[in-house]
Amino acid sequence: MTIATPRERLIRRLFDMTDDQIITLEAYADALGSDQLPSDYDPEHDPLVGLLSGPPDLSTRAKEILREEFGVRKKD
């Protein structure tokens, strides 16, 4: 039994995709090879926008922020 490479697995999946899915995949592939945003870039449809946004101390204050959001007071 041979183990398929990621390339081989992706090629197999292409045959099950619709033309619209192929067009979307092609756009992602084009973006991967470029350091610039495409001319039709829309931040409203970018799933990564906002993923890493937050206050600078977000990671160090995560528990405190969650407690504040859920109304749980810190024990003194």
Protein backbone atom coordinates (compact mmCIF):
# COMPACT_ATOMS: atom_id res chain seq x y z
CA MET A 1 0.00 0.00 0.00
CA THR A 2 1.42 3.37 -0.99
CA ILE A 3 0.83 6.55 0.91
CA ALA A 4 -0.52 9.37 -1.22
CA THR A 5 1.35 12.65 -1.12
CA PRO A 6 -0.53 15.86 -0.32
CA ARG A 7 -0.27 16.77 -4.02
CA GLU A 8 -1.86 13.46 -5.06
CA ARG A 9 -4.67 13.83 -2.50
CA LEU A 10 -5.43 17.35 -3.73
CA ILE A 11 -5.45 16.28 -7.37
CA ARG A 12 -7.95 13.52 -6.55
CA ARG A 13 -10.22 16.02 -4.80
CA LEU A 14 -10.20 18.33 -7.83
CA PHE A 15 -12.30 15.83 -9.77
CA ASP A 16 -15.14 16.10 -7.22
CA MET A 17 -15.19 19.91 -7.14
CA THR A 18 -17.64 22.15 -8.96
CA ASP A 19 -16.42 24.78 -11.42
CA ASP A 20 -17.17 27.50 -8.84
CA GLN A 21 -15.06 25.70 -6.25
CA ILE A 22 -12.23 25.34 -8.75
CA ILE A 23 -12.37 29.08 -9.50
CA THR A 24 -12.18 29.86 -5.78
CA LEU A 25 -9.32 27.42 -5.29
CA GLU A 26 -7.47 28.95 -8.23
CA ALA A 27 -7.84 32.42 -6.69
CA TYR A 28 -6.39 31.14 -3.40
CA ALA A 29 -3.52 29.47 -5.27
CA ASP A 30 -2.77 32.72 -7.09
CA ALA A 31 -2.79 34.62 -3.80
CA LEU A 32 -0.35 32.12 -2.26
CA GLY A 33 2.20 32.91 -4.94
CA SER A 34 1.98 36.68 -4.50
CA ASP A 35 2.99 39.17 -1.83
CA GLN A 36 0.35 41.66 -2.99
CA LEU A 37 -3.40 41.65 -2.53
CA PRO A 38 -5.51 40.98 -5.62
CA SER A 39 -7.25 43.94 -7.25
CA ASP A 40 -10.67 42.61 -6.23
CA TYR A 41 -9.67 42.02 -2.58
CA ASP A 42 -12.56 42.59 -0.18
CA PRO A 43 -11.72 42.56 3.54
CA GLU A 44 -15.39 41.89 4.30
CA HIS A 45 -14.96 38.41 2.81
CA ASP A 46 -11.51 37.66 4.21
CA PRO A 47 -11.80 35.09 7.02
CA LEU A 48 -8.47 36.16 8.51
CA VAL A 49 -9.41 39.79 9.07
CA GLY A 50 -10.04 40.23 12.76
CA LEU A 51 -8.61 36.85 13.69
CA LEU A 52 -5.61 38.41 15.39
CA SER A 53 -7.08 41.75 16.38
CA GLY A 54 -7.50 42.73 20.00
CA PRO A 55 -5.83 44.68 22.75
CA PRO A 56 -2.05 44.29 22.97
CA ASP A 57 -2.30 42.46 26.29
CA LEU A 58 -5.02 40.08 25.11
CA SER A 59 -3.01 36.91 25.60
CA THR A 60 -1.77 37.82 29.06
CA ARG A 61 -5.20 38.99 30.23
CA ALA A 62 -7.33 36.27 28.56
CA LYS A 63 -8.71 34.76 31.81
CA GLU A 64 -9.38 38.16 33.30
CA ILE A 65 -11.15 39.36 30.15
CA LEU A 66 -13.31 36.22 30.06
CA ARG A 67 -14.25 36.66 33.72
CA GLU A 68 -15.23 40.27 33.03
CA GLU A 69 -17.31 39.25 30.02
CA PHE A 70 -19.21 36.59 31.99
CA GLY A 71 -19.61 38.68 35.13
CA VAL A 72 -17.47 36.47 37.35
CA ARG A 73 -15.57 38.47 39.88
CA LYS A 74 -11.98 37.66 40.75
CA LYS A 75 -11.54 36.23 44.26
CA ASP A 76 -9.54 38.54 46.51
